[in-house]
Amino acid sequence: MEMLSNASKYAINAVLFLALDAHKDRKIGVKEIAAGIDVPVAFLAKLLQNLSRKGVVSSTKGPNGGFYLTEENRLQKLLVVIDHIDGLSKLKECVLGLSSCNSEKPCPMHTLVQPLRKKFLYELSNNSISAFAEKVQKGETFLNY
């Protein structure tokens, strides 16, 4: 059950990395972020540029430039990251790839997957980037950096 593409996974990791350690006075370059989360630099650069254009992360160019999160960025829901990278359709697709799977005509996996999907979407829609980062800071959840 692959609900997130690698691009979305990388973007979420990068945003949480920034939420934990970057702010207006401490900007982080794409090379440092890529090394920190172990993803390809060029691919991550494109993802972060996209998220910057969409206002999910902030960036500054130049010798002291890099990526960071403002308070406004931190308050956005984590679902926004997925939406700007892949769109939300993948989160709603049938896990078996059937085009007509729904509550009225469910696939064999529908009743198993639907409650998980609803909970996943609920958490992503109702918790900010900051809320997810706080769980990491408190040691409730972990990222392998």
Protein backbone atom coordinates (compact mmCIF):
# COMPACT_ATOMS: atom_id res chain seq x y z
CA MET A 1 0.00 0.00 0.00
CA GLU A 2 2.13 2.85 -1.33
CA MET A 3 0.20 6.05 -0.64
CA LEU A 4 3.16 8.42 -0.93
CA SER A 5 5.63 8.77 -3.77
CA ASN A 6 9.33 9.11 -3.08
CA ALA A 7 9.01 12.79 -4.01
CA SER A 8 6.41 13.34 -1.29
CA LYS A 9 8.44 11.35 1.24
CA TYR A 10 11.57 13.40 0.46
CA ALA A 11 9.61 16.66 0.64
CA ILE A 12 8.04 15.77 4.00
CA ASN A 13 11.43 14.78 5.40
CA ALA A 14 12.98 18.02 4.14
CA VAL A 15 10.19 20.17 5.58
CA LEU A 16 10.44 18.45 8.96
CA PHE A 17 14.24 18.77 8.85
CA LEU A 18 13.78 22.50 8.31
CA ALA A 19 11.12 22.72 11.02
CA LEU A 20 13.54 21.21 13.52
CA ASP A 21 16.57 23.34 12.75
CA ALA A 22 15.97 26.27 10.40
CA HIS A 23 14.55 29.75 10.87
CA LYS A 24 15.01 33.22 9.44
CA ASP A 25 18.39 33.60 11.16
CA ARG A 26 19.55 30.06 10.32
CA LYS A 27 18.96 29.15 6.71
CA ILE A 28 20.05 25.75 5.46
CA GLY A 29 21.38 25.01 1.97
CA VAL A 30 19.99 22.22 -0.15
CA LYS A 31 23.25 20.24 0.05
CA GLU A 32 23.11 20.19 3.85
CA ILE A 33 19.44 19.19 3.83
CA ALA A 34 20.05 16.44 1.25
CA ALA A 35 22.97 15.08 3.26
CA GLY A 36 20.93 15.28 6.44
CA ILE A 37 18.04 13.27 5.07
CA ASP A 38 20.06 11.14 2.63
CA VAL A 39 18.36 12.08 -0.64
CA PRO A 40 19.73 13.19 -4.04
CA VAL A 41 20.65 16.90 -4.05
CA ALA A 42 19.32 17.74 -7.54
CA PHE A 43 15.97 16.05 -6.92
CA LEU A 44 15.57 17.69 -3.53
CA ALA A 45 16.49 21.10 -4.98
CA LYS A 46 13.59 20.85 -7.44
CA LEU A 47 11.18 19.80 -4.70
CA LEU A 48 12.22 22.62 -2.39
CA GLN A 49 12.07 25.20 -5.19
CA ASN A 50 8.52 24.07 -5.92
CA LEU A 51 7.56 24.26 -2.25
CA SER A 52 9.18 27.69 -2.00
CA ARG A 53 7.21 28.99 -5.00
CA LYS A 54 4.03 27.67 -3.37
CA GLY A 55 4.83 29.33 -0.02
CA VAL A 56 5.26 26.11 1.95
CA VAL A 57 8.91 26.87 2.74
CA SER A 58 10.83 30.13 2.56
CA SER A 59 14.15 30.74 0.88
CA THR A 60 16.75 33.40 0.34
CA LYS A 61 19.32 33.45 -2.45
CA GLY A 62 22.94 34.44 -2.09
CA PRO A 63 25.97 33.52 0.01
CA ASN A 64 23.98 33.50 3.27
CA GLY A 65 20.92 32.07 1.61
CA GLY A 66 19.12 28.80 1.96
CA PHE A 67 15.81 27.38 3.04
CA TYR A 68 13.97 27.99 6.29
CA LEU A 69 10.47 28.07 7.74
CA THR A 70 8.66 31.15 8.96
CA GLU A 71 5.97 30.89 11.61
CA GLU A 72 3.42 31.07 8.80
CA ASN A 73 5.13 28.15 7.02
CA ARG A 74 5.17 26.13 10.24
CA LEU A 75 1.43 26.57 10.76
CA GLN A 76 0.52 25.01 7.42
CA LYS A 77 -0.92 21.51 7.45
CA LEU A 78 1.44 18.74 6.38
CA LEU A 79 -1.10 17.69 3.75
CA VAL A 80 -0.16 20.85 1.81
CA VAL A 81 3.29 19.39 1.14
CA ILE A 82 1.81 16.26 -0.46
CA ASP A 83 -0.76 18.30 -2.38
CA HIS A 84 1.92 20.53 -3.96
CA ILE A 85 4.23 17.62 -4.80
CA ASP A 86 1.85 14.89 -6.04
CA GLY A 87 -1.67 16.17 -5.65
CA LEU A 88 -4.16 14.36 -3.46
CA SER A 89 -5.56 11.84 -5.94
CA LYS A 90 -3.03 9.15 -5.01
CA LEU A 91 -4.28 9.26 -1.42
CA LYS A 92 -7.78 8.43 -2.64
CA GLU A 93 -6.99 5.75 -5.23
CA CYS A 94 -7.91 2.12 -4.76
CA VAL A 95 -4.98 0.16 -3.33
CA LEU A 96 -5.59 -2.56 -5.92
CA GLY A 97 -5.69 0.00 -8.71
CA LEU A 98 -9.36 -0.55 -9.57
CA SER A 99 -11.03 2.46 -11.14
CA SER A 100 -14.50 1.74 -9.79
CA CYS A 101 -13.68 1.00 -6.15
CA ASN A 102 -15.86 2.95 -3.71
CA SER A 103 -18.14 2.42 -0.69
CA GLU A 104 -20.98 1.13 -2.86
CA LYS A 105 -18.75 -1.15 -4.93
CA PRO A 106 -15.69 -1.94 -2.77
CA CYS A 107 -12.67 -3.96 -3.79
CA PRO A 108 -11.63 -6.86 -1.51
CA MET A 109 -9.20 -4.55 0.38
CA HIS A 110 -11.49 -1.50 0.64
CA THR A 111 -12.96 -2.14 4.10
CA LEU A 112 -9.49 -2.87 5.48
CA VAL A 113 -7.77 0.16 3.97
CA GLN A 114 -10.49 2.81 4.18
CA PRO A 115 -10.30 3.40 7.97
CA LEU A 116 -6.49 3.71 7.76
CA ARG A 117 -6.75 6.12 4.84
CA LYS A 118 -9.33 8.26 6.66
CA LYS A 119 -7.15 8.45 9.78
CA PHE A 120 -4.06 9.25 7.71
CA LEU A 121 -5.85 12.07 5.83
CA TYR A 122 -7.35 13.37 9.07
CA GLU A 123 -3.95 13.63 10.76
CA LEU A 124 -2.32 15.27 7.73
CA SER A 125 -5.23 17.72 7.38
CA ASN A 126 -5.52 18.67 11.02
CA ASN A 127 -1.91 18.87 12.19
CA SER A 128 0.57 21.52 11.23
CA ILE A 129 4.14 21.04 10.12
CA SER A 130 5.08 22.38 13.53
CA ALA A 131 2.93 19.78 15.33
CA PHE A 132 4.71 16.92 13.55
CA ALA A 133 8.11 18.50 14.27
CA GLU A 134 7.23 18.91 17.96
CA LYS A 135 6.58 15.17 18.23
CA VAL A 136 10.10 14.55 16.94
CA GLN A 137 11.58 17.11 19.33
CA LYS A 138 9.80 15.47 22.27
CA GLY A 139 11.06 12.03 21.24
CA GLU A 140 7.52 10.74 20.59
CA THR A 141 8.38 10.05 16.94
CA PHE A 142 11.68 9.72 15.11
CA LEU A 143 13.38 10.68 11.89
CA ASN A 144 16.64 8.96 10.98
CA TYR A 145 18.92 11.92 10.41
